[in-house]
Amino acid sequence: MLPNISTVCAVEQASIACLLLHPCAVSPTSLLMVQNKKSDPNYKVIAENRRARFDYAIDDDIECGVILEGSEVKSMRIGGTNIAESYAAVENNELWLVNSYIAPYEGAKTFKHEVRRRRKLLVSKKELSNLWNATQRKGMTLVPIVMYFNHKGFAKIKLGVAKGKQNHDKRATEAKRDWSRQKARLMKDHG
C-alpha cells in the first residue's frame, strides 16, 4: 500500500522543522542541501569534508570557482571525488587546491587527467589578498568544506578559513553536540 501524499509531505515538513529547531544536530552544509533541494534542481553536492568542522574551528567561508578539464567534470558528475585530505594554498598571487582526488574517467581515451594534480581556484583579487593575510599573518588554514555544482552547472568549492582545534576543544564540541541530541530526545519524549 502506498503512503498518502499528505502524510509524506507532513513527514518531510516535520524533518525540515526539526533541522531548523536543532541546528547543532546537523552540519550547515546538510541544511544548505535541504534548502537548495527545493529551490535549485541543478544543485548537486559532489564531495563533502565532514572532518573539517570537527578538526577545525571555521571562522569564515568563501565560495571559489575551480578550473577543471573536461574529463574531470565528467568524472565528478559520476562520483568518486574526495576533498577530505586536501587543502588550499596561496602561492605566487594565485589560489591552488592541493591534493584533491578526482577519479579517472574511463570514457576519456587520449586526454586523461592526473588524479591528484593541483587545481587553480578562482577568486577576486580582494578576496585573494584577504586569504593571504589570513594564512600568512594570522596563521589560519584554508580547508575545503564542500564541492558542488551550482544552479548554473558550474563546479564550485566552499573553502573555510579555519584554525586547528586542540583535543580539549574537540571534546567540548562533542559534549555540546551530545547534550543537544539528548535535549532533543527528551523534548520529543516528554514535551
N, C-alpha and C. Protein backbone atom coordinates (compact mmCIF):
# COMPACT_ATOMS: atom_id res chain seq x y z
N MET A 1 0.84 -1.17 0.00
CA MET A 1 0.00 0.00 0.00
C MET A 1 0.89 1.25 0.00
N LEU A 2 0.60 2.17 -0.86
CA LEU A 2 1.37 3.40 -0.96
C LEU A 2 0.95 4.39 0.11
N PRO A 3 1.92 5.16 0.67
CA PRO A 3 1.55 6.15 1.69
C PRO A 3 0.81 7.32 1.05
N ASN A 4 0.00 7.96 1.84
CA ASN A 4 -0.76 9.12 1.41
C ASN A 4 0.20 10.28 1.13
N ILE A 5 -0.06 11.06 0.09
CA ILE A 5 0.80 12.19 -0.28
C ILE A 5 0.89 13.20 0.85
N SER A 6 -0.23 13.49 1.49
CA SER A 6 -0.21 14.49 2.58
C SER A 6 0.61 13.99 3.76
N THR A 7 0.63 12.66 4.00
CA THR A 7 1.44 12.09 5.08
C THR A 7 2.91 12.27 4.78
N VAL A 8 3.32 12.00 3.54
CA VAL A 8 4.71 12.15 3.15
C VAL A 8 5.15 13.60 3.26
N CYS A 9 4.31 14.54 2.81
CA CYS A 9 4.64 15.96 2.91
C CYS A 9 4.75 16.40 4.36
N ALA A 10 3.85 15.89 5.23
CA ALA A 10 3.89 16.26 6.64
C ALA A 10 5.17 15.75 7.30
N VAL A 11 5.58 14.52 6.94
CA VAL A 11 6.83 13.97 7.49
C VAL A 11 8.02 14.79 7.02
N GLU A 12 8.05 15.18 5.75
CA GLU A 12 9.15 15.98 5.23
C GLU A 12 9.18 17.35 5.89
N GLN A 13 8.00 17.96 6.09
CA GLN A 13 7.95 19.26 6.77
C GLN A 13 8.41 19.13 8.21
N ALA A 14 8.06 18.04 8.86
CA ALA A 14 8.48 17.84 10.25
C ALA A 14 9.99 17.66 10.33
N SER A 15 10.59 16.94 9.37
CA SER A 15 12.04 16.75 9.40
C SER A 15 12.76 18.07 9.13
N ILE A 16 12.24 18.90 8.25
CA ILE A 16 12.85 20.21 7.99
C ILE A 16 12.69 21.11 9.21
N ALA A 17 11.53 21.05 9.85
CA ALA A 17 11.33 21.85 11.07
C ALA A 17 12.28 21.40 12.17
N CYS A 18 12.50 20.09 12.27
CA CYS A 18 13.44 19.57 13.26
C CYS A 18 14.85 20.08 12.97
N LEU A 19 15.22 20.12 11.70
CA LEU A 19 16.53 20.65 11.33
C LEU A 19 16.66 22.12 11.69
N LEU A 20 15.58 22.87 11.50
CA LEU A 20 15.63 24.30 11.81
C LEU A 20 15.66 24.56 13.31
N LEU A 21 14.94 23.71 14.09
CA LEU A 21 14.91 23.90 15.54
C LEU A 21 16.19 23.42 16.22
N HIS A 22 16.81 22.41 15.67
CA HIS A 22 18.00 21.83 16.29
C HIS A 22 19.18 21.93 15.33
N PRO A 23 19.75 23.12 15.12
CA PRO A 23 20.81 23.29 14.13
C PRO A 23 22.11 22.62 14.51
N CYS A 24 22.35 22.34 15.82
CA CYS A 24 23.63 21.71 16.17
C CYS A 24 23.62 20.23 15.82
N ALA A 25 22.46 19.64 15.60
CA ALA A 25 22.39 18.22 15.30
C ALA A 25 22.85 17.91 13.88
N VAL A 26 22.84 18.89 13.00
CA VAL A 26 23.25 18.66 11.62
C VAL A 26 24.27 19.71 11.22
N SER A 27 25.02 19.40 10.18
CA SER A 27 26.01 20.36 9.70
C SER A 27 25.31 21.43 8.86
N PRO A 28 25.89 22.62 8.77
CA PRO A 28 25.28 23.68 7.96
C PRO A 28 25.20 23.32 6.49
N THR A 29 26.14 22.48 6.01
CA THR A 29 26.09 22.11 4.60
C THR A 29 24.90 21.20 4.30
N SER A 30 24.55 20.31 5.26
CA SER A 30 23.38 19.47 5.01
C SER A 30 22.11 20.29 5.08
N LEU A 31 22.07 21.34 5.93
CA LEU A 31 20.93 22.25 5.95
C LEU A 31 20.85 23.01 4.63
N LEU A 32 22.01 23.41 4.09
CA LEU A 32 22.05 24.08 2.80
C LEU A 32 21.54 23.17 1.71
N MET A 33 21.85 21.85 1.79
CA MET A 33 21.38 20.91 0.79
C MET A 33 19.87 20.80 0.83
N VAL A 34 19.27 20.81 2.05
CA VAL A 34 17.81 20.72 2.17
C VAL A 34 17.17 21.96 1.56
N GLN A 35 17.75 23.14 1.83
CA GLN A 35 17.19 24.37 1.28
C GLN A 35 17.32 24.41 -0.24
N ASN A 36 18.49 24.01 -0.76
CA ASN A 36 18.72 24.09 -2.19
C ASN A 36 18.03 22.97 -2.96
N LYS A 37 17.63 21.89 -2.27
CA LYS A 37 16.97 20.79 -2.94
C LYS A 37 15.66 21.26 -3.57
N LYS A 38 14.98 22.15 -2.90
CA LYS A 38 13.70 22.62 -3.43
C LYS A 38 13.89 23.76 -4.41
N SER A 39 14.86 24.64 -4.16
CA SER A 39 14.97 25.83 -4.99
C SER A 39 15.79 25.59 -6.27
N ASP A 40 16.83 24.80 -6.22
CA ASP A 40 17.70 24.58 -7.38
C ASP A 40 17.74 23.11 -7.77
N PRO A 41 17.10 22.73 -8.87
CA PRO A 41 17.14 21.32 -9.27
C PRO A 41 18.52 20.90 -9.80
N ASN A 42 19.36 21.85 -10.25
CA ASN A 42 20.68 21.51 -10.78
C ASN A 42 21.74 21.42 -9.69
N TYR A 43 21.45 21.88 -8.47
CA TYR A 43 22.41 21.87 -7.38
C TYR A 43 22.71 20.43 -6.99
N LYS A 44 24.01 20.08 -6.96
CA LYS A 44 24.40 18.72 -6.62
C LYS A 44 25.70 18.76 -5.84
N VAL A 45 25.71 18.17 -4.65
CA VAL A 45 26.93 18.08 -3.85
C VAL A 45 27.78 16.95 -4.41
N ILE A 46 29.04 17.28 -4.72
CA ILE A 46 29.96 16.30 -5.28
C ILE A 46 30.74 15.60 -4.17
N ALA A 47 31.34 16.39 -3.28
CA ALA A 47 32.12 15.85 -2.18
C ALA A 47 31.99 16.77 -0.99
N GLU A 48 32.01 16.19 0.20
CA GLU A 48 31.91 16.97 1.42
C GLU A 48 32.99 16.52 2.38
N ASN A 49 33.63 17.47 3.03
CA ASN A 49 34.67 17.19 4.01
C ASN A 49 34.04 17.30 5.40
N ARG A 50 33.54 16.19 5.91
CA ARG A 50 32.83 16.20 7.19
C ARG A 50 33.78 16.36 8.37
N ARG A 51 35.03 15.95 8.20
CA ARG A 51 36.00 16.09 9.28
C ARG A 51 36.41 17.54 9.50
N ALA A 52 36.19 18.40 8.53
CA ALA A 52 36.66 19.78 8.63
C ALA A 52 36.06 20.49 9.83
N ARG A 53 34.78 20.33 10.06
CA ARG A 53 34.13 21.01 11.19
C ARG A 53 34.52 20.39 12.52
N PHE A 54 34.98 19.15 12.51
CA PHE A 54 35.42 18.51 13.74
C PHE A 54 36.86 18.90 14.07
N ASP A 55 37.71 18.95 13.06
CA ASP A 55 39.14 19.21 13.28
C ASP A 55 39.50 20.69 13.32
N TYR A 56 38.65 21.55 12.78
CA TYR A 56 38.97 22.97 12.67
C TYR A 56 37.82 23.83 13.20
N ALA A 57 38.18 24.97 13.75
CA ALA A 57 37.20 25.99 14.12
C ALA A 57 37.11 26.95 12.94
N ILE A 58 36.05 26.86 12.17
CA ILE A 58 35.91 27.62 10.93
C ILE A 58 35.33 28.99 11.25
N ASP A 59 36.10 30.03 10.94
CA ASP A 59 35.68 31.40 11.22
C ASP A 59 34.85 31.98 10.09
N ASP A 60 35.27 31.73 8.85
CA ASP A 60 34.64 32.34 7.69
C ASP A 60 34.69 31.34 6.55
N ASP A 61 33.82 31.49 5.58
CA ASP A 61 33.89 30.64 4.40
C ASP A 61 33.76 31.49 3.14
N ILE A 62 34.26 30.94 2.05
CA ILE A 62 34.30 31.66 0.78
C ILE A 62 34.03 30.67 -0.34
N GLU A 63 33.26 31.10 -1.34
CA GLU A 63 32.96 30.27 -2.50
C GLU A 63 33.94 30.58 -3.61
N CYS A 64 34.53 29.53 -4.19
CA CYS A 64 35.53 29.69 -5.26
C CYS A 64 35.12 28.86 -6.47
N GLY A 65 35.49 29.35 -7.63
CA GLY A 65 35.36 28.56 -8.84
C GLY A 65 36.59 27.66 -8.99
N VAL A 66 36.47 26.61 -9.78
CA VAL A 66 37.57 25.66 -9.97
C VAL A 66 37.84 25.52 -11.46
N ILE A 67 39.12 25.59 -11.86
CA ILE A 67 39.48 25.35 -13.26
C ILE A 67 39.69 23.85 -13.42
N LEU A 68 38.89 23.23 -14.30
CA LEU A 68 38.91 21.79 -14.49
C LEU A 68 39.05 21.45 -15.97
N GLU A 69 39.48 20.22 -16.22
CA GLU A 69 39.49 19.68 -17.58
C GLU A 69 38.17 18.95 -17.82
N GLY A 70 37.90 18.66 -19.07
CA GLY A 70 36.62 18.03 -19.42
C GLY A 70 36.41 16.67 -18.80
N SER A 71 37.47 15.85 -18.78
CA SER A 71 37.32 14.52 -18.19
C SER A 71 37.11 14.60 -16.68
N GLU A 72 37.63 15.65 -16.05
CA GLU A 72 37.43 15.83 -14.61
C GLU A 72 35.97 16.15 -14.30
N VAL A 73 35.36 17.00 -15.12
CA VAL A 73 33.96 17.36 -14.91
C VAL A 73 33.07 16.13 -15.09
N LYS A 74 33.31 15.35 -16.11
CA LYS A 74 32.51 14.16 -16.35
C LYS A 74 32.68 13.15 -15.23
N SER A 75 33.90 13.01 -14.73
CA SER A 75 34.15 12.11 -13.62
C SER A 75 33.46 12.59 -12.35
N MET A 76 33.45 13.89 -12.13
CA MET A 76 32.79 14.45 -10.95
C MET A 76 31.28 14.23 -11.01
N ARG A 77 30.69 14.29 -12.19
CA ARG A 77 29.25 14.07 -12.31
C ARG A 77 28.89 12.63 -11.99
N ILE A 78 29.81 11.70 -12.30
CA ILE A 78 29.57 10.29 -11.98
C ILE A 78 29.77 10.03 -10.49
N GLY A 79 30.77 10.65 -9.90
CA GLY A 79 31.10 10.44 -8.48
C GLY A 79 32.57 10.04 -8.36
N GLY A 80 33.01 9.78 -7.16
CA GLY A 80 34.38 9.37 -6.94
C GLY A 80 35.33 10.53 -6.72
N THR A 81 34.84 11.59 -6.09
CA THR A 81 35.67 12.75 -5.78
C THR A 81 35.86 12.82 -4.27
N ASN A 82 37.09 13.17 -3.85
CA ASN A 82 37.39 13.24 -2.43
C ASN A 82 38.18 14.51 -2.13
N ILE A 83 37.71 15.30 -1.17
CA ILE A 83 38.43 16.51 -0.76
C ILE A 83 38.83 16.45 0.71
N ALA A 84 38.70 15.27 1.32
CA ALA A 84 38.95 15.14 2.76
C ALA A 84 40.42 15.40 3.11
N GLU A 85 41.34 15.03 2.25
CA GLU A 85 42.77 15.17 2.55
C GLU A 85 43.37 16.39 1.87
N SER A 86 42.57 17.25 1.31
CA SER A 86 43.11 18.36 0.54
C SER A 86 43.10 19.65 1.35
N TYR A 87 43.80 20.64 0.83
CA TYR A 87 43.86 21.96 1.43
C TYR A 87 44.08 22.97 0.32
N ALA A 88 43.92 24.24 0.64
CA ALA A 88 44.14 25.30 -0.33
C ALA A 88 45.32 26.14 0.13
N ALA A 89 46.07 26.69 -0.84
CA ALA A 89 47.24 27.49 -0.52
C ALA A 89 47.34 28.66 -1.49
N VAL A 90 47.82 29.80 -0.97
CA VAL A 90 48.05 30.98 -1.80
C VAL A 90 49.54 30.98 -2.15
N GLU A 91 49.83 30.86 -3.45
CA GLU A 91 51.21 30.84 -3.93
C GLU A 91 51.31 31.70 -5.18
N ASN A 92 52.28 32.62 -5.21
CA ASN A 92 52.52 33.49 -6.37
C ASN A 92 51.26 34.24 -6.80
N ASN A 93 50.54 34.80 -5.86
CA ASN A 93 49.31 35.55 -6.13
C ASN A 93 48.24 34.72 -6.83
N GLU A 94 48.20 33.43 -6.56
CA GLU A 94 47.17 32.53 -7.09
C GLU A 94 46.74 31.59 -5.98
N LEU A 95 45.51 31.15 -6.05
CA LEU A 95 44.96 30.23 -5.06
C LEU A 95 44.88 28.84 -5.67
N TRP A 96 45.45 27.84 -4.99
CA TRP A 96 45.52 26.48 -5.51
C TRP A 96 44.87 25.51 -4.55
N LEU A 97 44.18 24.52 -5.11
CA LEU A 97 43.65 23.39 -4.35
C LEU A 97 44.64 22.24 -4.50
N VAL A 98 45.19 21.80 -3.39
CA VAL A 98 46.26 20.80 -3.41
C VAL A 98 45.74 19.48 -2.85
N ASN A 99 46.11 18.39 -3.50
CA ASN A 99 45.87 17.01 -3.04
C ASN A 99 44.40 16.60 -3.05
N SER A 100 43.59 17.17 -3.91
CA SER A 100 42.22 16.70 -4.05
C SER A 100 42.21 15.54 -5.05
N TYR A 101 41.30 14.61 -4.85
CA TYR A 101 41.23 13.41 -5.68
C TYR A 101 39.99 13.45 -6.55
N ILE A 102 40.20 13.32 -7.86
CA ILE A 102 39.10 13.15 -8.81
C ILE A 102 39.40 11.88 -9.59
N ALA A 103 38.53 10.91 -9.49
CA ALA A 103 38.75 9.60 -10.10
C ALA A 103 38.92 9.73 -11.60
N PRO A 104 39.72 8.85 -12.21
CA PRO A 104 39.88 8.91 -13.66
C PRO A 104 38.58 8.56 -14.38
N TYR A 105 38.35 9.23 -15.50
CA TYR A 105 37.15 9.00 -16.29
C TYR A 105 37.47 7.95 -17.34
N GLU A 106 36.72 6.87 -17.33
CA GLU A 106 37.01 5.74 -18.22
C GLU A 106 36.71 6.05 -19.68
N GLY A 107 35.81 6.97 -19.95
CA GLY A 107 35.45 7.30 -21.33
C GLY A 107 36.51 8.14 -22.04
N ALA A 108 37.41 8.78 -21.30
CA ALA A 108 38.46 9.59 -21.91
C ALA A 108 39.61 8.68 -22.30
N LYS A 109 39.89 8.61 -23.60
CA LYS A 109 40.94 7.69 -24.05
C LYS A 109 42.27 8.40 -24.21
N THR A 110 42.27 9.55 -24.86
CA THR A 110 43.56 10.21 -25.12
C THR A 110 43.85 11.37 -24.18
N PHE A 111 42.82 12.05 -23.70
CA PHE A 111 43.03 13.22 -22.85
C PHE A 111 42.60 12.93 -21.42
N LYS A 112 43.30 12.02 -20.76
CA LYS A 112 43.00 11.71 -19.37
C LYS A 112 43.66 12.73 -18.46
N HIS A 113 43.10 12.93 -17.31
CA HIS A 113 43.64 13.90 -16.36
C HIS A 113 44.45 13.19 -15.27
N GLU A 114 45.33 13.95 -14.62
CA GLU A 114 46.04 13.43 -13.46
C GLU A 114 45.07 13.39 -12.29
N VAL A 115 45.17 12.37 -11.50
CA VAL A 115 44.19 12.15 -10.44
C VAL A 115 44.36 13.15 -9.29
N ARG A 116 45.58 13.42 -8.88
CA ARG A 116 45.83 14.31 -7.74
C ARG A 116 46.62 15.55 -8.13
N ARG A 117 46.27 16.18 -9.22
CA ARG A 117 47.01 17.37 -9.64
C ARG A 117 46.52 18.60 -8.87
N ARG A 118 47.34 19.65 -8.88
CA ARG A 118 46.95 20.92 -8.26
C ARG A 118 45.97 21.62 -9.18
N ARG A 119 44.88 22.11 -8.61
CA ARG A 119 43.85 22.77 -9.40
C ARG A 119 43.73 24.23 -8.96
N LYS A 120 43.68 25.12 -9.94
CA LYS A 120 43.61 26.54 -9.66
C LYS A 120 42.19 26.92 -9.25
N LEU A 121 42.09 27.75 -8.22
CA LEU A 121 40.80 28.23 -7.75
C LEU A 121 40.64 29.68 -8.15
N LEU A 122 39.43 30.08 -8.47
CA LEU A 122 39.14 31.42 -8.96
C LEU A 122 38.47 32.26 -7.88
N VAL A 123 39.14 33.33 -7.49
CA VAL A 123 38.60 34.30 -6.55
C VAL A 123 38.99 35.69 -7.02
N SER A 124 38.34 36.71 -6.47
CA SER A 124 38.71 38.07 -6.84
C SER A 124 40.03 38.46 -6.16
N LYS A 125 40.64 39.54 -6.63
CA LYS A 125 41.92 39.98 -6.07
C LYS A 125 41.77 40.39 -4.61
N LYS A 126 40.65 41.02 -4.28
CA LYS A 126 40.42 41.44 -2.90
C LYS A 126 40.29 40.22 -1.98
N GLU A 127 39.54 39.22 -2.42
CA GLU A 127 39.39 38.00 -1.62
C GLU A 127 40.73 37.28 -1.49
N LEU A 128 41.51 37.28 -2.58
CA LEU A 128 42.82 36.63 -2.55
C LEU A 128 43.75 37.31 -1.55
N SER A 129 43.73 38.63 -1.51
CA SER A 129 44.58 39.33 -0.56
C SER A 129 44.11 39.08 0.88
N ASN A 130 42.80 38.99 1.09
CA ASN A 130 42.28 38.67 2.42
C ASN A 130 42.70 37.26 2.85
N LEU A 131 42.66 36.32 1.91
CA LEU A 131 43.07 34.95 2.23
C LEU A 131 44.57 34.88 2.52
N TRP A 132 45.36 35.63 1.76
CA TRP A 132 46.80 35.65 2.01
C TRP A 132 47.09 36.22 3.39
N ASN A 133 46.41 37.31 3.76
CA ASN A 133 46.59 37.90 5.08
C ASN A 133 46.20 36.91 6.19
N ALA A 134 45.11 36.19 5.97
CA ALA A 134 44.66 35.24 6.99
C ALA A 134 45.66 34.10 7.17
N THR A 135 46.22 33.60 6.07
CA THR A 135 47.12 32.46 6.18
C THR A 135 48.52 32.87 6.62
N GLN A 136 49.04 33.96 6.09
CA GLN A 136 50.42 34.34 6.39
C GLN A 136 50.56 35.11 7.69
N ARG A 137 49.65 36.01 7.98
CA ARG A 137 49.78 36.86 9.17
C ARG A 137 49.09 36.27 10.39
N LYS A 138 47.90 35.72 10.20
CA LYS A 138 47.14 35.23 11.34
C LYS A 138 47.34 33.74 11.61
N GLY A 139 47.99 33.03 10.69
CA GLY A 139 48.25 31.60 10.89
C GLY A 139 47.03 30.71 10.69
N MET A 140 46.10 31.15 9.87
CA MET A 140 44.89 30.36 9.61
C MET A 140 45.17 29.34 8.49
N THR A 141 44.24 28.40 8.32
CA THR A 141 44.35 27.36 7.31
C THR A 141 43.15 27.45 6.39
N LEU A 142 43.35 27.17 5.11
CA LEU A 142 42.24 27.15 4.14
C LEU A 142 41.83 25.70 3.92
N VAL A 143 40.65 25.35 4.40
CA VAL A 143 40.17 23.97 4.37
C VAL A 143 38.97 23.88 3.45
N PRO A 144 38.97 22.95 2.48
CA PRO A 144 37.77 22.77 1.66
C PRO A 144 36.66 22.11 2.48
N ILE A 145 35.47 22.68 2.40
CA ILE A 145 34.34 22.16 3.17
C ILE A 145 33.44 21.30 2.28
N VAL A 146 33.05 21.86 1.13
CA VAL A 146 32.15 21.12 0.24
C VAL A 146 32.44 21.53 -1.20
N MET A 147 32.35 20.56 -2.10
CA MET A 147 32.48 20.81 -3.54
C MET A 147 31.15 20.44 -4.17
N TYR A 148 30.65 21.31 -5.05
CA TYR A 148 29.31 21.11 -5.60
C TYR A 148 29.18 21.76 -6.97
N PHE A 149 28.12 21.37 -7.68
CA PHE A 149 27.71 22.05 -8.90
C PHE A 149 26.61 23.03 -8.51
N ASN A 150 26.76 24.31 -8.89
CA ASN A 150 25.75 25.30 -8.54
C ASN A 150 24.55 25.20 -9.48
N HIS A 151 23.60 26.10 -9.36
CA HIS A 151 22.37 26.02 -10.16
C HIS A 151 22.62 26.23 -11.65
N LYS A 152 23.78 26.84 -12.01
CA LYS A 152 24.11 27.00 -13.42
C LYS A 152 24.92 25.83 -13.98
N GLY A 153 25.30 24.90 -13.11
CA GLY A 153 26.07 23.74 -13.54
C GLY A 153 27.57 23.92 -13.44
N PHE A 154 28.05 25.02 -12.82
CA PHE A 154 29.48 25.24 -12.66
C PHE A 154 29.97 24.57 -11.39
N ALA A 155 31.18 24.01 -11.44
CA ALA A 155 31.77 23.38 -10.26
C ALA A 155 32.30 24.46 -9.34
N LYS A 156 31.89 24.43 -8.10
CA LYS A 156 32.31 25.39 -7.08
C LYS A 156 32.83 24.63 -5.88
N ILE A 157 33.67 25.31 -5.10
CA ILE A 157 34.16 24.73 -3.86
C ILE A 157 34.03 25.78 -2.77
N LYS A 158 33.59 25.36 -1.61
CA LYS A 158 33.48 26.28 -0.48
C LYS A 158 34.67 26.03 0.44
N LEU A 159 35.49 27.07 0.61
CA LEU A 159 36.67 26.99 1.47
C LEU A 159 36.34 27.63 2.81
N GLY A 160 36.85 27.03 3.87
CA GLY A 160 36.72 27.59 5.20
C GLY A 160 38.04 28.17 5.65
N VAL A 161 38.00 29.40 6.17
CA VAL A 161 39.18 30.00 6.79
C VAL A 161 39.13 29.55 8.24
N ALA A 162 40.06 28.67 8.63
CA ALA A 162 39.92 27.96 9.89
C ALA A 162 41.20 27.96 10.70
N LYS A 163 41.02 27.64 11.96
CA LYS A 163 42.14 27.46 12.87
C LYS A 163 41.98 26.07 13.47
N GLY A 164 43.09 25.35 13.58
CA GLY A 164 43.03 23.97 14.08
C GLY A 164 42.56 23.89 15.52
N LYS A 165 41.73 22.90 15.82
CA LYS A 165 41.25 22.69 17.19
C LYS A 165 42.22 21.77 17.92
N GLN A 166 42.35 21.98 19.21
CA GLN A 166 43.11 21.06 20.04
C GLN A 166 42.16 20.01 20.58
N ASN A 167 42.71 18.97 21.22
CA ASN A 167 41.88 17.85 21.66
C ASN A 167 40.80 18.27 22.64
N HIS A 168 41.11 19.18 23.57
CA HIS A 168 40.09 19.58 24.54
C HIS A 168 38.97 20.37 23.86
N ASP A 169 39.28 21.11 22.79
CA ASP A 169 38.23 21.81 22.04
C ASP A 169 37.32 20.82 21.33
N LYS A 170 37.92 19.76 20.79
CA LYS A 170 37.12 18.74 20.10
C LYS A 170 36.19 18.04 21.08
N ARG A 171 36.70 17.74 22.28
CA ARG A 171 35.87 17.07 23.28
C ARG A 171 34.72 17.98 23.73
N ALA A 172 34.99 19.26 23.88
CA ALA A 172 33.94 20.20 24.29
C ALA A 172 32.86 20.30 23.22
N THR A 173 33.27 20.36 21.96
CA THR A 173 32.29 20.41 20.86
C THR A 173 31.45 19.15 20.82
N GLU A 174 32.10 18.00 21.03
CA GLU A 174 31.38 16.73 21.00
C GLU A 174 30.41 16.63 22.18
N ALA A 175 30.82 17.11 23.36
CA ALA A 175 29.94 17.08 24.52
C ALA A 175 28.72 17.99 24.30
N LYS A 176 28.94 19.16 23.70
CA LYS A 176 27.83 20.08 23.42
C LYS A 176 26.85 19.45 22.42
N ARG A 177 27.38 18.77 21.41
CA ARG A 177 26.54 18.12 20.41
C ARG A 177 25.73 16.99 21.04
N ASP A 178 26.37 16.19 21.91
CA ASP A 178 25.66 15.09 22.58
C ASP A 178 24.55 15.62 23.47
N TRP A 179 24.83 16.71 24.20
CA TRP A 179 23.81 17.29 25.07
C TRP A 179 22.63 17.81 24.28
N SER A 180 22.89 18.43 23.14
CA SER A 180 21.78 18.93 22.32
C SER A 180 20.95 17.78 21.77
N ARG A 181 21.57 16.66 21.44
CA ARG A 181 20.82 15.48 21.00
C ARG A 181 19.95 14.93 22.13
N GLN A 182 20.54 14.87 23.34
CA GLN A 182 19.77 14.37 24.48
C GLN A 182 18.58 15.29 24.79
N LYS A 183 18.80 16.60 24.70
CA LYS A 183 17.70 17.54 24.92
C LYS A 183 16.60 17.32 23.90
N ALA A 184 17.00 17.10 22.65
CA ALA A 184 16.00 16.88 21.59
C ALA A 184 15.20 15.61 21.86
N ARG A 185 15.88 14.56 22.31
CA ARG A 185 15.18 13.32 22.63
C ARG A 185 14.21 13.51 23.80
N LEU A 186 14.67 14.22 24.84
CA LEU A 186 13.81 14.46 26.00
C LEU A 186 12.58 15.29 25.62
N MET A 187 12.80 16.31 24.81
CA MET A 187 11.68 17.15 24.36
C MET A 187 10.70 16.33 23.51
N LYS A 188 11.25 15.43 22.72
CA LYS A 188 10.39 14.60 21.87
C LYS A 188 9.57 13.62 22.72
N ASP A 189 10.22 13.02 23.71
CA ASP A 189 9.54 12.02 24.53
C ASP A 189 8.55 12.63 25.52
N HIS A 190 8.95 13.74 26.16
CA HIS A 190 8.14 14.29 27.23
C HIS A 190 7.45 15.62 26.88
N GLY A 191 7.80 16.18 25.75
CA GLY A 191 7.32 17.52 25.52
C GLY A 191 6.24 17.71 24.58
